[in-house]
Amino acid sequence: MIKTEKMPIWVFLAFSSIETRKGALILINACVIFSIYCIPFPLFFEDNELIKAIFLIDDWSWIAMMAPMSLWYWISLKWVDKNSGWKESSPD
């Protein structure tokens, strides 16, 4: 990502070590997948031992952190897309 003078600090912090749009999309997709995993499914399926074994999170604290992070990354991606902040890919 190219750091410009007009780039807000919250955008720079989101993608400071990511150089391409593809890398940012991978980060956002991973964050969304982990956000879904962080839903406390054992609270909804109390009788199912398999659900309790697969989904180890049994409180809302993780989803309360992961959902805003996913939103932050997505809004930052939209800002960088709108302001042409990605490095041009060089043919190798």
PDB file of N, CA and C in Angstrom:
ATOM      1  N   MET A   1       0.841  -1.163   0.000  1.00  0.00           N
ATOM      2  CA  MET A   1       0.000   0.000   0.000  1.00  0.00           C
ATOM      3  C   MET A   1       0.890   1.232   0.000  1.00  0.00           C
ATOM      4  N   ILE A   2       0.468   2.218  -0.718  1.00  0.00           N
ATOM      5  CA  ILE A   2       1.214   3.462  -0.802  1.00  0.00           C
ATOM      6  C   ILE A   2       0.673   4.431   0.249  1.00  0.00           C
ATOM      7  N   LYS A   3       1.535   4.886   1.146  1.00  0.00           N
ATOM      8  CA  LYS A   3       1.134   5.851   2.177  1.00  0.00           C
ATOM      9  C   LYS A   3       1.143   7.237   1.559  1.00  0.00           C
ATOM     10  N   THR A   4       0.001   7.904   1.599  1.00  0.00           N
ATOM     11  CA  THR A   4      -0.110   9.252   1.068  1.00  0.00           C
ATOM     12  C   THR A   4      -0.304  10.244   2.209  1.00  0.00           C
ATOM     13  N   GLU A   5      -0.171  11.510   1.888  1.00  0.00           N
ATOM     14  CA  GLU A   5      -0.343  12.573   2.893  1.00  0.00           C
ATOM     15  C   GLU A   5      -1.768  12.618   3.427  1.00  0.00           C
ATOM     16  N   LYS A   6      -2.752  12.363   2.563  1.00  0.00           N
ATOM     17  CA  LYS A   6      -4.150  12.485   2.976  1.00  0.00           C
ATOM     18  C   LYS A   6      -4.726  11.206   3.599  1.00  0.00           C
ATOM     19  N   MET A   7      -3.925  10.158   3.670  1.00  0.00           N
ATOM     20  CA  MET A   7      -4.406   8.897   4.229  1.00  0.00           C
ATOM     21  C   MET A   7      -4.597   9.006   5.738  1.00  0.00           C
ATOM     22  N   PRO A   8      -5.803   8.681   6.219  1.00  0.00           N
ATOM     23  CA  PRO A   8      -6.024   8.700   7.672  1.00  0.00           C
ATOM     24  C   PRO A   8      -5.192   7.628   8.372  1.00  0.00           C
ATOM     25  N   ILE A   9      -4.883   7.875   9.620  1.00  0.00           N
ATOM     26  CA  ILE A   9      -4.052   6.935  10.389  1.00  0.00           C
ATOM     27  C   ILE A   9      -4.759   5.596  10.564  1.00  0.00           C
ATOM     28  N   TRP A  10      -6.097   5.585  10.674  1.00  0.00           N
ATOM     29  CA  TRP A  10      -6.821   4.331  10.865  1.00  0.00           C
ATOM     30  C   TRP A  10      -6.737   3.441   9.634  1.00  0.00           C
ATOM     31  N   VAL A  11      -6.619   4.030   8.453  1.00  0.00           N
ATOM     32  CA  VAL A  11      -6.444   3.245   7.233  1.00  0.00           C
ATOM     33  C   VAL A  11      -5.014   2.709   7.168  1.00  0.00           C
ATOM     34  N   PHE A  12      -4.053   3.555   7.480  1.00  0.00           N
ATOM     35  CA  PHE A  12      -2.660   3.138   7.460  1.00  0.00           C
ATOM     36  C   PHE A  12      -2.403   2.003   8.452  1.00  0.00           C
ATOM     37  N   LEU A  13      -2.977   2.097   9.639  1.00  0.00           N
ATOM     38  CA  LEU A  13      -2.783   1.046  10.641  1.00  0.00           C
ATOM     39  C   LEU A  13      -3.428  -0.270  10.220  1.00  0.00           C
ATOM     40  N   ALA A  14      -4.514  -0.205   9.482  1.00  0.00           N
ATOM     41  CA  ALA A  14      -5.183  -1.437   9.046  1.00  0.00           C
ATOM     42  C   ALA A  14      -4.328  -2.219   8.059  1.00  0.00           C
ATOM     43  N   PHE A  15      -3.674  -1.534   7.133  1.00  0.00           N
ATOM     44  CA  PHE A  15      -2.957  -2.218   6.065  1.00  0.00           C
ATOM     45  C   PHE A  15      -1.502  -1.797   5.957  1.00  0.00           C
ATOM     46  N   SER A  16      -0.873  -1.454   7.041  1.00  0.00           N
ATOM     47  CA  SER A  16       0.501  -0.948   6.980  1.00  0.00           C
ATOM     48  C   SER A  16       1.496  -1.972   6.438  1.00  0.00           C
ATOM     49  N   SER A  17       1.280  -3.238   6.671  1.00  0.00           N
ATOM     50  CA  SER A  17       2.230  -4.245   6.190  1.00  0.00           C
ATOM     51  C   SER A  17       1.681  -5.059   5.015  1.00  0.00           C
ATOM     52  N   ILE A  18       0.545  -4.647   4.471  1.00  0.00           N
ATOM     53  CA  ILE A  18      -0.058  -5.339   3.334  1.00  0.00           C
ATOM     54  C   ILE A  18       0.130  -4.464   2.106  1.00  0.00           C
ATOM     55  N   GLU A  19       0.713  -5.030   1.072  1.00  0.00           N
ATOM     56  CA  GLU A  19       1.070  -4.225  -0.097  1.00  0.00           C
ATOM     57  C   GLU A  19       0.066  -4.317  -1.237  1.00  0.00           C
ATOM     58  N   THR A  20      -0.742  -5.373  -1.285  1.00  0.00           N
ATOM     59  CA  THR A  20      -1.647  -5.546  -2.417  1.00  0.00           C
ATOM     60  C   THR A  20      -3.096  -5.652  -1.957  1.00  0.00           C
ATOM     61  N   ARG A  21      -3.992  -5.395  -2.908  1.00  0.00           N
ATOM     62  CA  ARG A  21      -5.414  -5.511  -2.620  1.00  0.00           C
ATOM     63  C   ARG A  21      -5.774  -6.974  -2.335  1.00  0.00           C
ATOM     64  N   LYS A  22      -5.126  -7.895  -3.034  1.00  0.00           N
ATOM     65  CA  LYS A  22      -5.372  -9.323  -2.817  1.00  0.00           C
ATOM     66  C   LYS A  22      -5.026  -9.712  -1.379  1.00  0.00           C
ATOM     67  N   GLY A  23      -3.922  -9.210  -0.865  1.00  0.00           N
ATOM     68  CA  GLY A  23      -3.550  -9.478   0.523  1.00  0.00           C
ATOM     69  C   GLY A  23      -4.566  -8.921   1.497  1.00  0.00           C
ATOM     70  N   ALA A  24      -5.096  -7.736   1.198  1.00  0.00           N
ATOM     71  CA  ALA A  24      -6.120  -7.143   2.063  1.00  0.00           C
ATOM     72  C   ALA A  24      -7.402  -7.963   2.027  1.00  0.00           C
ATOM     73  N   LEU A  25      -7.766  -8.468   0.856  1.00  0.00           N
ATOM     74  CA  LEU A  25      -8.967  -9.306   0.757  1.00  0.00           C
ATOM     75  C   LEU A  25      -8.798 -10.622   1.506  1.00  0.00           C
ATOM     76  N   ILE A  26      -7.612 -11.190   1.467  1.00  0.00           N
ATOM     77  CA  ILE A  26      -7.345 -12.413   2.238  1.00  0.00           C
ATOM     78  C   ILE A  26      -7.493 -12.129   3.732  1.00  0.00           C
ATOM     79  N   LEU A  27      -6.964 -11.008   4.185  1.00  0.00           N
ATOM     80  CA  LEU A  27      -7.085 -10.626   5.601  1.00  0.00           C
ATOM     81  C   LEU A  27      -8.549 -10.447   5.991  1.00  0.00           C
ATOM     82  N   ILE A  28      -9.315  -9.760   5.162  1.00  0.00           N
ATOM     83  CA  ILE A  28     -10.726  -9.515   5.470  1.00  0.00           C
ATOM     84  C   ILE A  28     -11.509 -10.817   5.478  1.00  0.00           C
ATOM     85  N   ASN A  29     -11.278 -11.681   4.493  1.00  0.00           N
ATOM     86  CA  ASN A  29     -11.986 -12.966   4.471  1.00  0.00           C
ATOM     87  C   ASN A  29     -11.648 -13.826   5.680  1.00  0.00           C
ATOM     88  N   ALA A  30     -10.387 -13.870   6.060  1.00  0.00           N
ATOM     89  CA  ALA A  30      -9.993 -14.634   7.250  1.00  0.00           C
ATOM     90  C   ALA A  30     -10.656 -14.058   8.498  1.00  0.00           C
ATOM     91  N   CYS A  31     -10.725 -12.752   8.570  1.00  0.00           N
ATOM     92  CA  CYS A  31     -11.340 -12.102   9.733  1.00  0.00           C
ATOM     93  C   CYS A  31     -12.838 -12.431   9.808  1.00  0.00           C
ATOM     94  N   VAL A  32     -13.516 -12.440   8.668  1.00  0.00           N
ATOM     95  CA  VAL A  32     -14.944 -12.766   8.650  1.00  0.00           C
ATOM     96  C   VAL A  32     -15.157 -14.231   9.037  1.00  0.00           C
ATOM     97  N   ILE A  33     -14.322 -15.122   8.527  1.00  0.00           N
ATOM     98  CA  ILE A  33     -14.445 -16.544   8.876  1.00  0.00           C
ATOM     99  C   ILE A  33     -14.233 -16.751  10.374  1.00  0.00           C
ATOM    100  N   PHE A  34     -13.216 -16.112  10.933  1.00  0.00           N
ATOM    101  CA  PHE A  34     -12.981 -16.242  12.368  1.00  0.00           C
ATOM    102  C   PHE A  34     -14.086 -15.576  13.177  1.00  0.00           C
ATOM    103  N   SER A  35     -14.683 -14.521  12.638  1.00  0.00           N
ATOM    104  CA  SER A  35     -15.816 -13.893  13.320  1.00  0.00           C
ATOM    105  C   SER A  35     -16.986 -14.855  13.415  1.00  0.00           C
ATOM    106  N   ILE A  36     -17.257 -15.572  12.333  1.00  0.00           N
ATOM    107  CA  ILE A  36     -18.343 -16.559  12.352  1.00  0.00           C
ATOM    108  C   ILE A  36     -18.022 -17.674  13.346  1.00  0.00           C
ATOM    109  N   TYR A  37     -16.767 -18.106  13.381  1.00  0.00           N
ATOM    110  CA  TYR A  37     -16.372 -19.139  14.337  1.00  0.00           C
ATOM    111  C   TYR A  37     -16.547 -18.665  15.782  1.00  0.00           C
ATOM    112  N   CYS A  38     -16.414 -17.369  16.012  1.00  0.00           N
ATOM    113  CA  CYS A  38     -16.471 -16.836  17.373  1.00  0.00           C
ATOM    114  C   CYS A  38     -17.894 -16.689  17.915  1.00  0.00           C
ATOM    115  N   ILE A  39     -18.894 -16.968  17.096  1.00  0.00           N
ATOM    116  CA  ILE A  39     -20.265 -16.975  17.616  1.00  0.00           C
ATOM    117  C   ILE A  39     -20.360 -18.130  18.609  1.00  0.00           C
ATOM    118  N   PRO A  40     -20.892 -17.904  19.790  1.00  0.00           N
ATOM    119  CA  PRO A  40     -20.921 -18.972  20.806  1.00  0.00           C
ATOM    120  C   PRO A  40     -22.020 -20.006  20.528  1.00  0.00           C
ATOM    121  N   PHE A  41     -21.777 -20.869  19.544  1.00  0.00           N
ATOM    122  CA  PHE A  41     -22.753 -21.896  19.175  1.00  0.00           C
ATOM    123  C   PHE A  41     -23.104 -22.850  20.316  1.00  0.00           C
ATOM    124  N   PRO A  42     -22.195 -23.169  21.230  1.00  0.00           N
ATOM    125  CA  PRO A  42     -22.591 -24.066  22.338  1.00  0.00           C
ATOM    126  C   PRO A  42     -23.739 -23.519  23.198  1.00  0.00           C
ATOM    127  N   LEU A  43     -23.930 -22.209  23.209  1.00  0.00           N
ATOM    128  CA  LEU A  43     -25.053 -21.649  23.959  1.00  0.00           C
ATOM    129  C   LEU A  43     -26.390 -21.973  23.296  1.00  0.00           C
ATOM    130  N   PHE A  44     -26.382 -22.161  21.981  1.00  0.00           N
ATOM    131  CA  PHE A  44     -27.612 -22.448  21.250  1.00  0.00           C
ATOM    132  C   PHE A  44     -27.892 -23.943  21.138  1.00  0.00           C
ATOM    133  N   PHE A  45     -26.854 -24.759  21.175  1.00  0.00           N
ATOM    134  CA  PHE A  45     -26.985 -26.211  21.044  1.00  0.00           C
ATOM    135  C   PHE A  45     -26.417 -26.876  22.301  1.00  0.00           C
ATOM    136  N   GLU A  46     -27.090 -26.711  23.399  1.00  0.00           N
ATOM    137  CA  GLU A  46     -26.579 -27.201  24.680  1.00  0.00           C
ATOM    138  C   GLU A  46     -26.542 -28.727  24.756  1.00  0.00           C
ATOM    139  N   ASP A  47     -27.394 -29.398  24.020  1.00  0.00           N
ATOM    140  CA  ASP A  47     -27.465 -30.866  24.089  1.00  0.00           C
ATOM    141  C   ASP A  47     -26.478 -31.561  23.160  1.00  0.00           C
ATOM    142  N   ASN A  48     -25.904 -30.852  22.228  1.00  0.00           N
ATOM    143  CA  ASN A  48     -25.054 -31.455  21.209  1.00  0.00           C
ATOM    144  C   ASN A  48     -23.583 -31.383  21.628  1.00  0.00           C
ATOM    145  N   GLU A  49     -23.008 -32.528  21.948  1.00  0.00           N
ATOM    146  CA  GLU A  49     -21.612 -32.588  22.397  1.00  0.00           C
ATOM    147  C   GLU A  49     -20.631 -32.320  21.257  1.00  0.00           C
ATOM    148  N   LEU A  50     -21.005 -32.672  20.031  1.00  0.00           N
ATOM    149  CA  LEU A  50     -20.130 -32.415  18.876  1.00  0.00           C
ATOM    150  C   LEU A  50     -19.940 -30.911  18.664  1.00  0.00           C
ATOM    151  N   ILE A  51     -21.010 -30.163  18.768  1.00  0.00           N
ATOM    152  CA  ILE A  51     -20.919 -28.695  18.634  1.00  0.00           C
ATOM    153  C   ILE A  51     -20.030 -28.135  19.736  1.00  0.00           C
ATOM    154  N   LYS A  52     -20.182 -28.637  20.936  1.00  0.00           N
ATOM    155  CA  LYS A  52     -19.349 -28.168  22.051  1.00  0.00           C
ATOM    156  C   LYS A  52     -17.884 -28.512  21.835  1.00  0.00           C
ATOM    157  N   ALA A  53     -17.603 -29.627  21.170  1.00  0.00           N
ATOM    158  CA  ALA A  53     -16.219 -30.027  20.914  1.00  0.00           C
ATOM    159  C   ALA A  53     -15.596 -29.217  19.778  1.00  0.00           C
ATOM    160  N   ILE A  54     -16.391 -28.881  18.767  1.00  0.00           N
ATOM    161  CA  ILE A  54     -15.868 -28.132  17.616  1.00  0.00           C
ATOM    162  C   ILE A  54     -15.745 -26.646  17.923  1.00  0.00           C
ATOM    163  N   PHE A  55     -16.795 -26.072  18.483  1.00  0.00           N
ATOM    164  CA  PHE A  55     -16.816 -24.644  18.796  1.00  0.00           C
ATOM    165  C   PHE A  55     -16.523 -24.467  20.289  1.00  0.00           C
ATOM    166  N   LEU A  56     -15.309 -24.081  20.589  1.00  0.00           N
ATOM    167  CA  LEU A  56     -14.863 -24.016  21.977  1.00  0.00           C
ATOM    168  C   LEU A  56     -15.251 -22.719  22.681  1.00  0.00           C
ATOM    169  N   ILE A  57     -15.638 -21.723  21.927  1.00  0.00           N
ATOM    170  CA  ILE A  57     -15.958 -20.422  22.508  1.00  0.00           C
ATOM    171  C   ILE A  57     -17.381 -20.464  23.039  1.00  0.00           C
ATOM    172  N   ASP A  58     -17.545 -20.132  24.308  1.00  0.00           N
ATOM    173  CA  ASP A  58     -18.876 -20.184  24.905  1.00  0.00           C
ATOM    174  C   ASP A  58     -19.304 -18.864  25.536  1.00  0.00           C
ATOM    175  N   ASP A  59     -18.725 -17.756  25.055  1.00  0.00           N
ATOM    176  CA  ASP A  59     -19.192 -16.441  25.484  1.00  0.00           C
ATOM    177  C   ASP A  59     -19.114 -15.472  24.304  1.00  0.00           C
ATOM    178  N   TRP A  60     -19.646 -14.279  24.483  1.00  0.00           N
ATOM    179  CA  TRP A  60     -19.756 -13.314  23.389  1.00  0.00           C
ATOM    180  C   TRP A  60     -18.543 -12.391  23.273  1.00  0.00           C
ATOM    181  N   SER A  61     -17.536 -12.549  24.096  1.00  0.00           N
ATOM    182  CA  SER A  61     -16.432 -11.583  24.111  1.00  0.00           C
ATOM    183  C   SER A  61     -15.619 -11.579  22.817  1.00  0.00           C
ATOM    184  N   TRP A  62     -15.400 -12.744  22.217  1.00  0.00           N
ATOM    185  CA  TRP A  62     -14.594 -12.782  20.997  1.00  0.00           C
ATOM    186  C   TRP A  62     -15.311 -12.177  19.810  1.00  0.00           C
ATOM    187  N   ILE A  63     -16.594 -12.462  19.650  1.00  0.00           N
ATOM    188  CA  ILE A  63     -17.340 -11.888  18.528  1.00  0.00           C
ATOM    189  C   ILE A  63     -17.467 -10.379  18.707  1.00  0.00           C
ATOM    190  N   ALA A  64     -17.497  -9.931  19.950  1.00  0.00           N
ATOM    191  CA  ALA A  64     -17.568  -8.490  20.213  1.00  0.00           C
ATOM    192  C   ALA A  64     -16.299  -7.776  19.756  1.00  0.00           C
ATOM    193  N   MET A  65     -15.195  -8.485  19.657  1.00  0.00           N
ATOM    194  CA  MET A  65     -13.950  -7.906  19.159  1.00  0.00           C
ATOM    195  C   MET A  65     -13.785  -8.160  17.661  1.00  0.00           C
ATOM    196  N   MET A  66     -14.128  -9.338  17.180  1.00  0.00           N
ATOM    197  CA  MET A  66     -13.885  -9.695  15.788  1.00  0.00           C
ATOM    198  C   MET A  66     -14.794  -8.966  14.811  1.00  0.00           C
ATOM    199  N   ALA A  67     -16.036  -8.751  15.154  1.00  0.00           N
ATOM    200  CA  ALA A  67     -16.963  -8.074  14.241  1.00  0.00           C
ATOM    201  C   ALA A  67     -16.525  -6.637  13.949  1.00  0.00           C
ATOM    202  N   PRO A  68     -16.174  -5.823  14.948  1.00  0.00           N
ATOM    203  CA  PRO A  68     -15.693  -4.476  14.630  1.00  0.00           C
ATOM    204  C   PRO A  68     -14.376  -4.475  13.859  1.00  0.00           C
ATOM    205  N   MET A  69     -13.509  -5.443  14.120  1.00  0.00           N
ATOM    206  CA  MET A  69     -12.255  -5.520  13.357  1.00  0.00           C
ATOM    207  C   MET A  69     -12.529  -5.801  11.887  1.00  0.00           C
ATOM    208  N   SER A  70     -13.444  -6.717  11.604  1.00  0.00           N
ATOM    209  CA  SER A  70     -13.793  -7.019  10.220  1.00  0.00           C
ATOM    210  C   SER A  70     -14.369  -5.795   9.529  1.00  0.00           C
ATOM    211  N   LEU A  71     -15.225  -5.088  10.228  1.00  0.00           N
ATOM    212  CA  LEU A  71     -15.806  -3.869   9.679  1.00  0.00           C
ATOM    213  C   LEU A  71     -14.741  -2.815   9.427  1.00  0.00           C
ATOM    214  N   TRP A  72     -13.802  -2.646  10.335  1.00  0.00           N
ATOM    215  CA  TRP A  72     -12.708  -1.685  10.191  1.00  0.00           C
ATOM    216  C   TRP A  72     -11.863  -2.002   8.952  1.00  0.00           C
ATOM    217  N   TYR A  73     -11.506  -3.267   8.772  1.00  0.00           N
ATOM    218  CA  TYR A  73     -10.730  -3.657   7.600  1.00  0.00           C
ATOM    219  C   TYR A  73     -11.503  -3.407   6.306  1.00  0.00           C
ATOM    220  N   TRP A  74     -12.798  -3.709   6.303  1.00  0.00           N
ATOM    221  CA  TRP A  74     -13.599  -3.522   5.107  1.00  0.00           C
ATOM    222  C   TRP A  74     -13.730  -2.041   4.751  1.00  0.00           C
ATOM    223  N   ILE A  75     -13.973  -1.189   5.751  1.00  0.00           N
ATOM    224  CA  ILE A  75     -14.066   0.253   5.502  1.00  0.00           C
ATOM    225  C   ILE A  75     -12.718   0.798   5.044  1.00  0.00           C
ATOM    226  N   SER A  76     -11.641   0.317   5.614  1.00  0.00           N
ATOM    227  CA  SER A  76     -10.304   0.747   5.192  1.00  0.00           C
ATOM    228  C   SER A  76     -10.030   0.334   3.754  1.00  0.00           C
ATOM    229  N   LEU A  77     -10.454  -0.887   3.377  1.00  0.00           N
ATOM    230  CA  LEU A  77     -10.292  -1.336   1.995  1.00  0.00           C
ATOM    231  C   LEU A  77     -11.038  -0.417   1.041  1.00  0.00           C
ATOM    232  N   LYS A  78     -12.256  -0.055   1.381  1.00  0.00           N
ATOM    233  CA  LYS A  78     -13.041   0.846   0.527  1.00  0.00           C
ATOM    234  C   LYS A  78     -12.353   2.206   0.395  1.00  0.00           C
ATOM    235  N   TRP A  79     -11.757   2.711   1.482  1.00  0.00           N
ATOM    236  CA  TRP A  79     -11.067   3.994   1.418  1.00  0.00           C
ATOM    237  C   TRP A  79      -9.864   3.904   0.482  1.00  0.00           C
ATOM    238  N   VAL A  80      -9.072   2.863   0.619  1.00  0.00           N
ATOM    239  CA  VAL A  80      -7.879   2.718  -0.216  1.00  0.00           C
ATOM    240  C   VAL A  80      -8.285   2.523  -1.680  1.00  0.00           C
ATOM    241  N   ASP A  81      -9.341   1.748  -1.941  1.00  0.00           N
ATOM    242  CA  ASP A  81      -9.816   1.566  -3.315  1.00  0.00           C
ATOM    243  C   ASP A  81     -10.245   2.899  -3.925  1.00  0.00           C
ATOM    244  N   LYS A  82     -10.969   3.672  -3.164  1.00  0.00           N
ATOM    245  CA  LYS A  82     -11.478   4.956  -3.656  1.00  0.00           C
ATOM    246  C   LYS A  82     -10.353   5.946  -3.923  1.00  0.00           C
ATOM    247  N   ASN A  83      -9.283   5.873  -3.163  1.00  0.00           N
ATOM    248  CA  ASN A  83      -8.193   6.843  -3.273  1.00  0.00           C
ATOM    249  C   ASN A  83      -6.954   6.286  -3.966  1.00  0.00           C
ATOM    250  N   SER A  84      -7.089   5.179  -4.657  1.00  0.00           N
ATOM    251  CA  SER A  84      -5.999   4.581  -5.446  1.00  0.00           C
ATOM    252  C   SER A  84      -4.711   4.435  -4.638  1.00  0.00           C
ATOM    253  N   GLY A  85      -4.792   3.718  -3.544  1.00  0.00           N
ATOM    254  CA  GLY A  85      -3.636   3.579  -2.669  1.00  0.00           C
ATOM    255  C   GLY A  85      -2.860   2.293  -2.823  1.00  0.00           C
ATOM    256  N   TRP A  86      -3.250   1.424  -3.755  1.00  0.00           N
ATOM    257  CA  TRP A  86      -2.546   0.159  -3.914  1.00  0.00           C
ATOM    258  C   TRP A  86      -1.388   0.321  -4.884  1.00  0.00           C
ATOM    259  N   LYS A  87      -0.327  -0.420  -4.632  1.00  0.00           N
ATOM    260  CA  LYS A  87       0.814  -0.428  -5.530  1.00  0.00           C
ATOM    261  C   LYS A  87       0.419  -1.112  -6.835  1.00  0.00           C
ATOM    262  N   GLU A  88       0.946  -0.607  -7.914  1.00  0.00           N
ATOM    263  CA  GLU A  88       0.716  -1.238  -9.204  1.00  0.00           C
ATOM    264  C   GLU A  88       1.491  -2.541  -9.266  1.00  0.00           C
ATOM    265  N   SER A  89       0.875  -3.599  -9.761  1.00  0.00           N
ATOM    266  CA  SER A  89       1.577  -4.882  -9.846  1.00  0.00           C
ATOM    267  C   SER A  89       2.540  -4.831 -11.030  1.00  0.00           C
ATOM    268  N   SER A  90       3.759  -5.277 -10.779  1.00  0.00           N
ATOM    269  CA  SER A  90       4.775  -5.283 -11.835  1.00  0.00           C
ATOM    270  C   SER A  90       4.849  -6.663 -12.464  1.00  0.00           C
ATOM    271  N   PRO A  91       4.863  -6.739 -13.788  1.00  0.00           N
ATOM    272  CA  PRO A  91       4.944  -8.052 -14.446  1.00  0.00           C
ATOM    273  C   PRO A  91       6.330  -8.657 -14.240  1.00  0.00           C
ATOM    274  N   ASP A  92       6.384  -9.843 -13.703  1.00  0.00           N
ATOM    275  CA  ASP A  92       7.663 -10.529 -13.441  1.00  0.00           C
ATOM    276  C   ASP A  92       7.874 -11.653 -14.400  1.00  0.00           C
TER     277      ASP A  92
END
